[in-house]
Each structure stands twice: as C-alpha cells, then as structure tokens.
Amino acid sequence: MAITSDDVRHLAELSNLSVTEEEIEPLKKDLGAIVEYISQLDELNTEGVEPTYQCFEMENVWREDEITEFEAKRKDLLNLAPESTDNQIKVPKVL
C-alpha cells in the first residue's frame, strides 16, 4: 500500500501535528516502511492459533464494600468550605 501526501496530512491532522511540505516526503517514506514491515505479519500461518487479547492473566481483585467511620464529620468539613448550602459545598458554575 503506497502512502500518499494526503494520507500523511490526514494522519498529521488526526494526531494534532503541524507538518510542513518539506516534512511530507520523508514521512511518506517512513510510514511506507512501517506499513511494509507490519505487512510481513500477513505471511504468517496463524491457522489454529487462538487470538491473544492480553499477554498475561489479569483478574479484577474484588473486595467487599465496608462503611467505616471517618475521623472528620460532615459538619466540620462543611465549615472548612468558603460557602455551603443545604449540607453541600457551593462551588461556581462550570460549563
């Protein structure tokens, strides 16, 4: 697959990179070499090989949720806030 100048510009835009016209030709060659190198994988016989989704076994470590008493009380924490309303800390509107 030949990499075109438009492909390089598109990839640069997707990557949020600014690319000058002088940089496009070397990038075309580099990207073409990368694609050619990766395309060597197409030559491998993978019949009967189960797909690998991750390299090592990972499991979530679950624990029971426990409610524990916290040293600070709600009233004390609300008193630290510059402003509070209805038992909640009042903050500026952010949009």
PDB file of N, CA and C in Angstrom:
ATOM      1  N   MET A   1       0.845  -1.175   0.000  1.00  0.00           N
ATOM      2  CA  MET A   1       0.000   0.000   0.000  1.00  0.00           C
ATOM      3  C   MET A   1       0.892   1.239   0.000  1.00  0.00           C
ATOM      4  N   ALA A   2       0.712   2.070  -0.973  1.00  0.00           N
ATOM      5  CA  ALA A   2       1.513   3.287  -1.079  1.00  0.00           C
ATOM      6  C   ALA A   2       0.892   4.393  -0.222  1.00  0.00           C
ATOM      7  N   ILE A   3       1.727   5.053   0.532  1.00  0.00           N
ATOM      8  CA  ILE A   3       1.280   6.165   1.366  1.00  0.00           C
ATOM      9  C   ILE A   3       1.341   7.446   0.527  1.00  0.00           C
ATOM     10  N   THR A   4       0.241   8.166   0.489  1.00  0.00           N
ATOM     11  CA  THR A   4       0.193   9.403  -0.295  1.00  0.00           C
ATOM     12  C   THR A   4       0.410  10.616   0.613  1.00  0.00           C
ATOM     13  N   SER A   5       0.631  11.751  -0.016  1.00  0.00           N
ATOM     14  CA  SER A   5       0.784  13.000   0.737  1.00  0.00           C
ATOM     15  C   SER A   5      -0.494  13.322   1.507  1.00  0.00           C
ATOM     16  N   ASP A   6      -1.643  12.999   0.898  1.00  0.00           N
ATOM     17  CA  ASP A   6      -2.922  13.228   1.590  1.00  0.00           C
ATOM     18  C   ASP A   6      -3.037  12.349   2.828  1.00  0.00           C
ATOM     19  N   ASP A   7      -2.518  11.116   2.743  1.00  0.00           N
ATOM     20  CA  ASP A   7      -2.528  10.230   3.911  1.00  0.00           C
ATOM     21  C   ASP A   7      -1.704  10.836   5.047  1.00  0.00           C
ATOM     22  N   VAL A   8      -0.543  11.372   4.709  1.00  0.00           N
ATOM     23  CA  VAL A   8       0.334  11.977   5.722  1.00  0.00           C
ATOM     24  C   VAL A   8      -0.354  13.188   6.350  1.00  0.00           C
ATOM     25  N   ARG A   9      -0.962  14.014   5.520  1.00  0.00           N
ATOM     26  CA  ARG A   9      -1.667  15.187   6.044  1.00  0.00           C
ATOM     27  C   ARG A   9      -2.821  14.767   6.957  1.00  0.00           C
ATOM     28  N   HIS A  10      -3.549  13.737   6.530  1.00  0.00           N
ATOM     29  CA  HIS A  10      -4.684  13.249   7.322  1.00  0.00           C
ATOM     30  C   HIS A  10      -4.198  12.701   8.671  1.00  0.00           C
ATOM     31  N   LEU A  11      -3.144  11.897   8.654  1.00  0.00           N
ATOM     32  CA  LEU A  11      -2.595  11.369   9.905  1.00  0.00           C
ATOM     33  C   LEU A  11      -2.078  12.486  10.800  1.00  0.00           C
ATOM     34  N   ALA A  12      -1.461  13.488  10.206  1.00  0.00           N
ATOM     35  CA  ALA A  12      -0.967  14.625  10.983  1.00  0.00           C
ATOM     36  C   ALA A  12      -2.130  15.368  11.631  1.00  0.00           C
ATOM     37  N   GLU A  13      -3.205  15.537  10.879  1.00  0.00           N
ATOM     38  CA  GLU A  13      -4.382  16.220  11.429  1.00  0.00           C
ATOM     39  C   GLU A  13      -5.003  15.411  12.569  1.00  0.00           C
ATOM     40  N   LEU A  14      -5.110  14.102  12.377  1.00  0.00           N
ATOM     41  CA  LEU A  14      -5.663  13.250  13.427  1.00  0.00           C
ATOM     42  C   LEU A  14      -4.780  13.257  14.673  1.00  0.00           C
ATOM     43  N   SER A  15      -3.478  13.404  14.472  1.00  0.00           N
ATOM     44  CA  SER A  15      -2.523  13.412  15.583  1.00  0.00           C
ATOM     45  C   SER A  15      -2.321  14.805  16.151  1.00  0.00           C
ATOM     46  N   ASN A  16      -3.006  15.779  15.569  1.00  0.00           N
ATOM     47  CA  ASN A  16      -2.898  17.169  16.005  1.00  0.00           C
ATOM     48  C   ASN A  16      -1.450  17.662  15.884  1.00  0.00           C
ATOM     49  N   LEU A  17      -0.831  17.326  14.753  1.00  0.00           N
ATOM     50  CA  LEU A  17       0.536  17.746  14.472  1.00  0.00           C
ATOM     51  C   LEU A  17       0.533  18.683  13.277  1.00  0.00           C
ATOM     52  N   SER A  18       1.422  19.652  13.298  1.00  0.00           N
ATOM     53  CA  SER A  18       1.578  20.506  12.123  1.00  0.00           C
ATOM     54  C   SER A  18       2.759  19.967  11.314  1.00  0.00           C
ATOM     55  N   VAL A  19       2.520  19.774  10.036  1.00  0.00           N
ATOM     56  CA  VAL A  19       3.532  19.195   9.151  1.00  0.00           C
ATOM     57  C   VAL A  19       3.758  20.158   7.992  1.00  0.00           C
ATOM     58  N   THR A  20       5.029  20.474   7.748  1.00  0.00           N
ATOM     59  CA  THR A  20       5.355  21.336   6.613  1.00  0.00           C
ATOM     60  C   THR A  20       5.443  20.485   5.347  1.00  0.00           C
ATOM     61  N   GLU A  21       5.417  21.160   4.207  1.00  0.00           N
ATOM     62  CA  GLU A  21       5.509  20.438   2.931  1.00  0.00           C
ATOM     63  C   GLU A  21       6.837  19.699   2.808  1.00  0.00           C
ATOM     64  N   GLU A  22       7.899  20.245   3.396  1.00  0.00           N
ATOM     65  CA  GLU A  22       9.212  19.590   3.328  1.00  0.00           C
ATOM     66  C   GLU A  22       9.245  18.300   4.153  1.00  0.00           C
ATOM     67  N   GLU A  23       8.408  18.214   5.152  1.00  0.00           N
ATOM     68  CA  GLU A  23       8.387  17.032   6.024  1.00  0.00           C
ATOM     69  C   GLU A  23       7.546  15.894   5.464  1.00  0.00           C
ATOM     70  N   ILE A  24       6.716  16.189   4.488  1.00  0.00           N
ATOM     71  CA  ILE A  24       5.777  15.175   3.979  1.00  0.00           C
ATOM     72  C   ILE A  24       6.497  14.035   3.273  1.00  0.00           C
ATOM     73  N   GLU A  25       7.446  14.339   2.400  1.00  0.00           N
ATOM     74  CA  GLU A  25       8.147  13.277   1.647  1.00  0.00           C
ATOM     75  C   GLU A  25       8.876  12.291   2.573  1.00  0.00           C
ATOM     76  N   PRO A  26       9.691  12.777   3.524  1.00  0.00           N
ATOM     77  CA  PRO A  26      10.342  11.822   4.435  1.00  0.00           C
ATOM     78  C   PRO A  26       9.330  11.010   5.247  1.00  0.00           C
ATOM     79  N   LEU A  27       8.239  11.644   5.631  1.00  0.00           N
ATOM     80  CA  LEU A  27       7.210  10.920   6.392  1.00  0.00           C
ATOM     81  C   LEU A  27       6.533   9.857   5.529  1.00  0.00           C
ATOM     82  N   LYS A  28       6.336  10.162   4.244  1.00  0.00           N
ATOM     83  CA  LYS A  28       5.753   9.163   3.336  1.00  0.00           C
ATOM     84  C   LYS A  28       6.636   7.920   3.285  1.00  0.00           C
ATOM     85  N   LYS A  29       7.952   8.149   3.175  1.00  0.00           N
ATOM     86  CA  LYS A  29       8.889   7.018   3.113  1.00  0.00           C
ATOM     87  C   LYS A  29       8.894   6.239   4.423  1.00  0.00           C
ATOM     88  N   ASP A  30       8.930   6.956   5.545  1.00  0.00           N
ATOM     89  CA  ASP A  30       8.959   6.294   6.850  1.00  0.00           C
ATOM     90  C   ASP A  30       7.674   5.497   7.104  1.00  0.00           C
ATOM     91  N   LEU A  31       6.538   6.114   6.829  1.00  0.00           N
ATOM     92  CA  LEU A  31       5.264   5.419   7.042  1.00  0.00           C
ATOM     93  C   LEU A  31       5.121   4.226   6.098  1.00  0.00           C
ATOM     94  N   GLY A  32       5.593   4.385   4.861  1.00  0.00           N
ATOM     95  CA  GLY A  32       5.559   3.263   3.912  1.00  0.00           C
ATOM     96  C   GLY A  32       6.404   2.100   4.401  1.00  0.00           C
ATOM     97  N   ALA A  33       7.580   2.401   4.968  1.00  0.00           N
ATOM     98  CA  ALA A  33       8.448   1.347   5.501  1.00  0.00           C
ATOM     99  C   ALA A  33       7.796   0.653   6.703  1.00  0.00           C
ATOM    100  N   ILE A  34       7.113   1.432   7.524  1.00  0.00           N
ATOM    101  CA  ILE A  34       6.427   0.843   8.689  1.00  0.00           C
ATOM    102  C   ILE A  34       5.318  -0.088   8.232  1.00  0.00           C
ATOM    103  N   VAL A  35       4.514   0.364   7.278  1.00  0.00           N
ATOM    104  CA  VAL A  35       3.410  -0.464   6.772  1.00  0.00           C
ATOM    105  C   VAL A  35       3.961  -1.730   6.116  1.00  0.00           C
ATOM    106  N   GLU A  36       5.034  -1.597   5.357  1.00  0.00           N
ATOM    107  CA  GLU A  36       5.658  -2.763   4.706  1.00  0.00           C
ATOM    108  C   GLU A  36       6.168  -3.756   5.751  1.00  0.00           C
ATOM    109  N   TYR A  37       6.782  -3.240   6.799  1.00  0.00           N
ATOM    110  CA  TYR A  37       7.311  -4.108   7.859  1.00  0.00           C
ATOM    111  C   TYR A  37       6.168  -4.855   8.556  1.00  0.00           C
ATOM    112  N   ILE A  38       5.103  -4.154   8.861  1.00  0.00           N
ATOM    113  CA  ILE A  38       3.972  -4.779   9.547  1.00  0.00           C
ATOM    114  C   ILE A  38       3.257  -5.765   8.630  1.00  0.00           C
ATOM    115  N   SER A  39       3.251  -5.495   7.331  1.00  0.00           N
ATOM    116  CA  SER A  39       2.562  -6.388   6.400  1.00  0.00           C
ATOM    117  C   SER A  39       3.235  -7.764   6.319  1.00  0.00           C
ATOM    118  N   GLN A  40       4.463  -7.879   6.824  1.00  0.00           N
ATOM    119  CA  GLN A  40       5.124  -9.189   6.876  1.00  0.00           C
ATOM    120  C   GLN A  40       4.334 -10.160   7.756  1.00  0.00           C
ATOM    121  N   LEU A  41       3.560  -9.640   8.665  1.00  0.00           N
ATOM    122  CA  LEU A  41       2.742 -10.497   9.530  1.00  0.00           C
ATOM    123  C   LEU A  41       1.686 -11.258   8.728  1.00  0.00           C
ATOM    124  N   ASP A  42       1.297 -10.717   7.573  1.00  0.00           N
ATOM    125  CA  ASP A  42       0.314 -11.385   6.729  1.00  0.00           C
ATOM    126  C   ASP A  42       0.830 -12.727   6.218  1.00  0.00           C
ATOM    127  N   GLU A  43       2.147 -12.900   6.180  1.00  0.00           N
ATOM    128  CA  GLU A  43       2.740 -14.124   5.657  1.00  0.00           C
ATOM    129  C   GLU A  43       2.723 -15.264   6.677  1.00  0.00           C
ATOM    130  N   LEU A  44       2.460 -14.948   7.938  1.00  0.00           N
ATOM    131  CA  LEU A  44       2.457 -15.975   8.975  1.00  0.00           C
ATOM    132  C   LEU A  44       1.219 -16.851   8.876  1.00  0.00           C
ATOM    133  N   ASN A  45       1.400 -18.147   9.099  1.00  0.00           N
ATOM    134  CA  ASN A  45       0.270 -19.070   9.143  1.00  0.00           C
ATOM    135  C   ASN A  45      -0.251 -19.083  10.576  1.00  0.00           C
ATOM    136  N   THR A  46      -1.414 -18.491  10.769  1.00  0.00           N
ATOM    137  CA  THR A  46      -1.992 -18.401  12.112  1.00  0.00           C
ATOM    138  C   THR A  46      -3.202 -19.321  12.275  1.00  0.00           C
ATOM    139  N   GLU A  47      -3.343 -20.260  11.366  1.00  0.00           N
ATOM    140  CA  GLU A  47      -4.482 -21.173  11.452  1.00  0.00           C
ATOM    141  C   GLU A  47      -4.348 -22.026  12.711  1.00  0.00           C
ATOM    142  N   GLY A  48      -5.423 -22.065  13.489  1.00  0.00           N
ATOM    143  CA  GLY A  48      -5.431 -22.860  14.707  1.00  0.00           C
ATOM    144  C   GLY A  48      -4.831 -22.144  15.908  1.00  0.00           C
ATOM    145  N   VAL A  49      -4.382 -20.908  15.716  1.00  0.00           N
ATOM    146  CA  VAL A  49      -3.818 -20.144  16.826  1.00  0.00           C
ATOM    147  C   VAL A  49      -4.928 -19.279  17.417  1.00  0.00           C
ATOM    148  N   GLU A  50      -5.144 -19.460  18.710  1.00  0.00           N
ATOM    149  CA  GLU A  50      -6.204 -18.704  19.371  1.00  0.00           C
ATOM    150  C   GLU A  50      -5.764 -17.250  19.537  1.00  0.00           C
ATOM    151  N   PRO A  51      -6.663 -16.298  19.258  1.00  0.00           N
ATOM    152  CA  PRO A  51      -6.303 -14.882  19.401  1.00  0.00           C
ATOM    153  C   PRO A  51      -5.907 -14.549  20.836  1.00  0.00           C
ATOM    154  N   THR A  52      -4.936 -13.670  20.970  1.00  0.00           N
ATOM    155  CA  THR A  52      -4.490 -13.227  22.280  1.00  0.00           C
ATOM    156  C   THR A  52      -5.037 -11.830  22.526  1.00  0.00           C
ATOM    157  N   TYR A  53      -5.785 -11.694  23.598  1.00  0.00           N
ATOM    158  CA  TYR A  53      -6.363 -10.400  23.920  1.00  0.00           C
ATOM    159  C   TYR A  53      -5.517  -9.651  24.934  1.00  0.00           C
ATOM    160  N   GLN A  54      -4.743 -10.381  25.701  1.00  0.00           N
ATOM    161  CA  GLN A  54      -3.813  -9.770  26.631  1.00  0.00           C
ATOM    162  C   GLN A  54      -2.664 -10.737  26.848  1.00  0.00           C
ATOM    163  N   CYS A  55      -1.529 -10.208  27.249  1.00  0.00           N
ATOM    164  CA  CYS A  55      -0.321 -11.026  27.324  1.00  0.00           C
ATOM    165  C   CYS A  55      -0.225 -11.860  28.594  1.00  0.00           C
ATOM    166  N   PHE A  56      -0.891 -11.450  29.633  1.00  0.00           N
ATOM    167  CA  PHE A  56      -0.819 -12.208  30.877  1.00  0.00           C
ATOM    168  C   PHE A  56      -2.192 -12.200  31.530  1.00  0.00           C
ATOM    169  N   GLU A  57      -2.388 -13.173  32.386  1.00  0.00           N
ATOM    170  CA  GLU A  57      -3.687 -13.310  33.044  1.00  0.00           C
ATOM    171  C   GLU A  57      -3.914 -12.149  33.996  1.00  0.00           C
ATOM    172  N   MET A  58      -5.025 -11.490  33.827  1.00  0.00           N
ATOM    173  CA  MET A  58      -5.392 -10.402  34.730  1.00  0.00           C
ATOM    174  C   MET A  58      -6.786 -10.668  35.251  1.00  0.00           C
ATOM    175  N   GLU A  59      -6.968 -10.436  36.501  1.00  0.00           N
ATOM    176  CA  GLU A  59      -8.288 -10.575  37.096  1.00  0.00           C
ATOM    177  C   GLU A  59      -8.538  -9.372  37.983  1.00  0.00           C
ATOM    178  N   ASN A  60      -9.789  -8.965  38.035  1.00  0.00           N
ATOM    179  CA  ASN A  60     -10.136  -7.904  38.967  1.00  0.00           C
ATOM    180  C   ASN A  60     -10.055  -8.453  40.384  1.00  0.00           C
ATOM    181  N   VAL A  61      -9.545  -7.650  41.263  1.00  0.00           N
ATOM    182  CA  VAL A  61      -9.494  -8.034  42.665  1.00  0.00           C
ATOM    183  C   VAL A  61     -10.669  -7.344  43.343  1.00  0.00           C
ATOM    184  N   TRP A  62     -11.640  -8.140  43.690  1.00  0.00           N
ATOM    185  CA  TRP A  62     -12.843  -7.595  44.292  1.00  0.00           C
ATOM    186  C   TRP A  62     -12.742  -7.662  45.805  1.00  0.00           C
ATOM    187  N   ARG A  63     -13.300  -6.684  46.457  1.00  0.00           N
ATOM    188  CA  ARG A  63     -13.369  -6.699  47.901  1.00  0.00           C
ATOM    189  C   ARG A  63     -14.754  -6.225  48.300  1.00  0.00           C
ATOM    190  N   GLU A  64     -15.154  -6.594  49.459  1.00  0.00           N
ATOM    191  CA  GLU A  64     -16.439  -6.160  49.967  1.00  0.00           C
ATOM    192  C   GLU A  64     -16.388  -4.678  50.310  1.00  0.00           C
ATOM    193  N   ASP A  65     -17.447  -3.959  49.987  1.00  0.00           N
ATOM    194  CA  ASP A  65     -17.533  -2.560  50.394  1.00  0.00           C
ATOM    195  C   ASP A  65     -17.854  -2.514  51.875  1.00  0.00           C
ATOM    196  N   GLU A  66     -17.075  -1.757  52.574  1.00  0.00           N
ATOM    197  CA  GLU A  66     -17.304  -1.611  54.009  1.00  0.00           C
ATOM    198  C   GLU A  66     -17.438  -0.133  54.333  1.00  0.00           C
ATOM    199  N   ILE A  67     -18.438   0.193  55.109  1.00  0.00           N
ATOM    200  CA  ILE A  67     -18.610   1.561  55.556  1.00  0.00           C
ATOM    201  C   ILE A  67     -17.841   1.701  56.859  1.00  0.00           C
ATOM    202  N   THR A  68     -16.886   2.621  56.844  1.00  0.00           N
ATOM    203  CA  THR A  68     -16.097   2.844  58.050  1.00  0.00           C
ATOM    204  C   THR A  68     -16.284   4.287  58.504  1.00  0.00           C
ATOM    205  N   GLU A  69     -16.152   4.493  59.772  1.00  0.00           N
ATOM    206  CA  GLU A  69     -16.268   5.838  60.321  1.00  0.00           C
ATOM    207  C   GLU A  69     -15.038   6.641  59.949  1.00  0.00           C
ATOM    208  N   PHE A  70     -15.265   7.862  59.531  1.00  0.00           N
ATOM    209  CA  PHE A  70     -14.182   8.762  59.165  1.00  0.00           C
ATOM    210  C   PHE A  70     -13.986   9.729  60.315  1.00  0.00           C
ATOM    211  N   GLU A  71     -12.768  10.104  60.559  1.00  0.00           N
ATOM    212  CA  GLU A  71     -12.477  10.962  61.700  1.00  0.00           C
ATOM    213  C   GLU A  71     -13.184  12.312  61.601  1.00  0.00           C
ATOM    214  N   ALA A  72     -13.213  12.897  60.434  1.00  0.00           N
ATOM    215  CA  ALA A  72     -13.856  14.202  60.261  1.00  0.00           C
ATOM    216  C   ALA A  72     -15.352  14.005  60.057  1.00  0.00           C
ATOM    217  N   LYS A  73     -16.107  14.866  60.621  1.00  0.00           N
ATOM    218  CA  LYS A  73     -17.567  14.818  60.479  1.00  0.00           C
ATOM    219  C   LYS A  73     -17.999  15.785  59.380  1.00  0.00           C
ATOM    220  N   ARG A  74     -19.146  15.509  58.803  1.00  0.00           N
ATOM    221  CA  ARG A  74     -19.672  16.337  57.712  1.00  0.00           C
ATOM    222  C   ARG A  74     -19.730  17.807  58.122  1.00  0.00           C
ATOM    223  N   LYS A  75     -20.234  18.071  59.291  1.00  0.00           N
ATOM    224  CA  LYS A  75     -20.382  19.443  59.755  1.00  0.00           C
ATOM    225  C   LYS A  75     -19.018  20.155  59.804  1.00  0.00           C
ATOM    226  N   ASP A  76     -17.987  19.449  60.280  1.00  0.00           N
ATOM    227  CA  ASP A  76     -16.648  20.037  60.356  1.00  0.00           C
ATOM    228  C   ASP A  76     -16.096  20.342  58.962  1.00  0.00           C
ATOM    229  N   LEU A  77     -16.307  19.421  58.036  1.00  0.00           N
ATOM    230  CA  LEU A  77     -15.817  19.618  56.671  1.00  0.00           C
ATOM    231  C   LEU A  77     -16.554  20.759  55.978  1.00  0.00           C
ATOM    232  N   LEU A  78     -17.871  20.841  56.185  1.00  0.00           N
ATOM    233  CA  LEU A  78     -18.635  21.927  55.576  1.00  0.00           C
ATOM    234  C   LEU A  78     -18.206  23.280  56.128  1.00  0.00           C
ATOM    235  N   ASN A  79     -17.802  23.308  57.379  1.00  0.00           N
ATOM    236  CA  ASN A  79     -17.340  24.564  57.973  1.00  0.00           C
ATOM    237  C   ASN A  79     -16.027  25.035  57.345  1.00  0.00           C
ATOM    238  N   LEU A  80     -15.247  24.130  56.755  1.00  0.00           N
ATOM    239  CA  LEU A  80     -13.994  24.495  56.101  1.00  0.00           C
ATOM    240  C   LEU A  80     -14.230  25.137  54.729  1.00  0.00           C
ATOM    241  N   ALA A  81     -15.394  24.850  54.127  1.00  0.00           N
ATOM    242  CA  ALA A  81     -15.694  25.365  52.788  1.00  0.00           C
ATOM    243  C   ALA A  81     -16.015  26.855  52.865  1.00  0.00           C
ATOM    244  N   PRO A  82     -15.640  27.607  51.827  1.00  0.00           N
ATOM    245  CA  PRO A  82     -15.958  29.035  51.832  1.00  0.00           C
ATOM    246  C   PRO A  82     -17.462  29.297  51.871  1.00  0.00           C
ATOM    247  N   GLU A  83     -18.228  28.418  51.205  1.00  0.00           N
ATOM    248  CA  GLU A  83     -19.679  28.603  51.171  1.00  0.00           C
ATOM    249  C   GLU A  83     -20.354  27.238  51.056  1.00  0.00           C
ATOM    250  N   SER A  84     -21.454  27.067  51.766  1.00  0.00           N
ATOM    251  CA  SER A  84     -22.206  25.808  51.683  1.00  0.00           C
ATOM    252  C   SER A  84     -23.693  26.109  51.716  1.00  0.00           C
ATOM    253  N   THR A  85     -24.452  25.210  51.080  1.00  0.00           N
ATOM    254  CA  THR A  85     -25.898  25.337  51.015  1.00  0.00           C
ATOM    255  C   THR A  85     -26.502  23.944  51.126  1.00  0.00           C
ATOM    256  N   ASP A  86     -27.492  23.776  51.970  1.00  0.00           N
ATOM    257  CA  ASP A  86     -28.213  22.502  52.121  1.00  0.00           C
ATOM    258  C   ASP A  86     -27.265  21.329  52.338  1.00  0.00           C
ATOM    259  N   ASN A  87     -26.329  21.488  53.241  1.00  0.00           N
ATOM    260  CA  ASN A  87     -25.404  20.403  53.579  1.00  0.00           C
ATOM    261  C   ASN A  87     -24.473  20.020  52.423  1.00  0.00           C
ATOM    262  N   GLN A  88     -24.261  20.937  51.486  1.00  0.00           N
ATOM    263  CA  GLN A  88     -23.380  20.692  50.352  1.00  0.00           C
ATOM    264  C   GLN A  88     -22.461  21.891  50.161  1.00  0.00           C
ATOM    265  N   ILE A  89     -21.269  21.624  49.624  1.00  0.00           N
ATOM    266  CA  ILE A  89     -20.330  22.711  49.348  1.00  0.00           C
ATOM    267  C   ILE A  89     -20.779  23.416  48.070  1.00  0.00           C
ATOM    268  N   LYS A  90     -20.890  24.719  48.148  1.00  0.00           N
ATOM    269  CA  LYS A  90     -21.315  25.508  46.993  1.00  0.00           C
ATOM    270  C   LYS A  90     -20.069  25.927  46.219  1.00  0.00           C
ATOM    271  N   VAL A  91     -20.071  25.653  44.909  1.00  0.00           N
ATOM    272  CA  VAL A  91     -18.935  25.975  44.044  1.00  0.00           C
ATOM    273  C   VAL A  91     -19.457  26.788  42.862  1.00  0.00           C
ATOM    274  N   PRO A  92     -18.562  27.515  42.176  1.00  0.00           N
ATOM    275  CA  PRO A  92     -19.002  28.278  40.996  1.00  0.00           C
ATOM    276  C   PRO A  92     -19.480  27.346  39.883  1.00  0.00           C
ATOM    277  N   LYS A  93     -20.412  27.825  39.107  1.00  0.00           N
ATOM    278  CA  LYS A  93     -20.924  27.067  37.970  1.00  0.00           C
ATOM    279  C   LYS A  93     -19.833  26.922  36.921  1.00  0.00           C
ATOM    280  N   VAL A  94     -19.629  25.709  36.415  1.00  0.00           N
ATOM    281  CA  VAL A  94     -18.590  25.444  35.424  1.00  0.00           C
ATOM    282  C   VAL A  94     -19.236  24.807  34.208  1.00  0.00           C
ATOM    283  N   LEU A  95     -19.147  25.481  33.098  1.00  0.00           N
ATOM    284  CA  LEU A  95     -19.697  24.937  31.845  1.00  0.00           C
ATOM    285  C   LEU A  95     -18.752  25.184  30.719  1.00  0.00           C
TER     286      LEU A  95
END
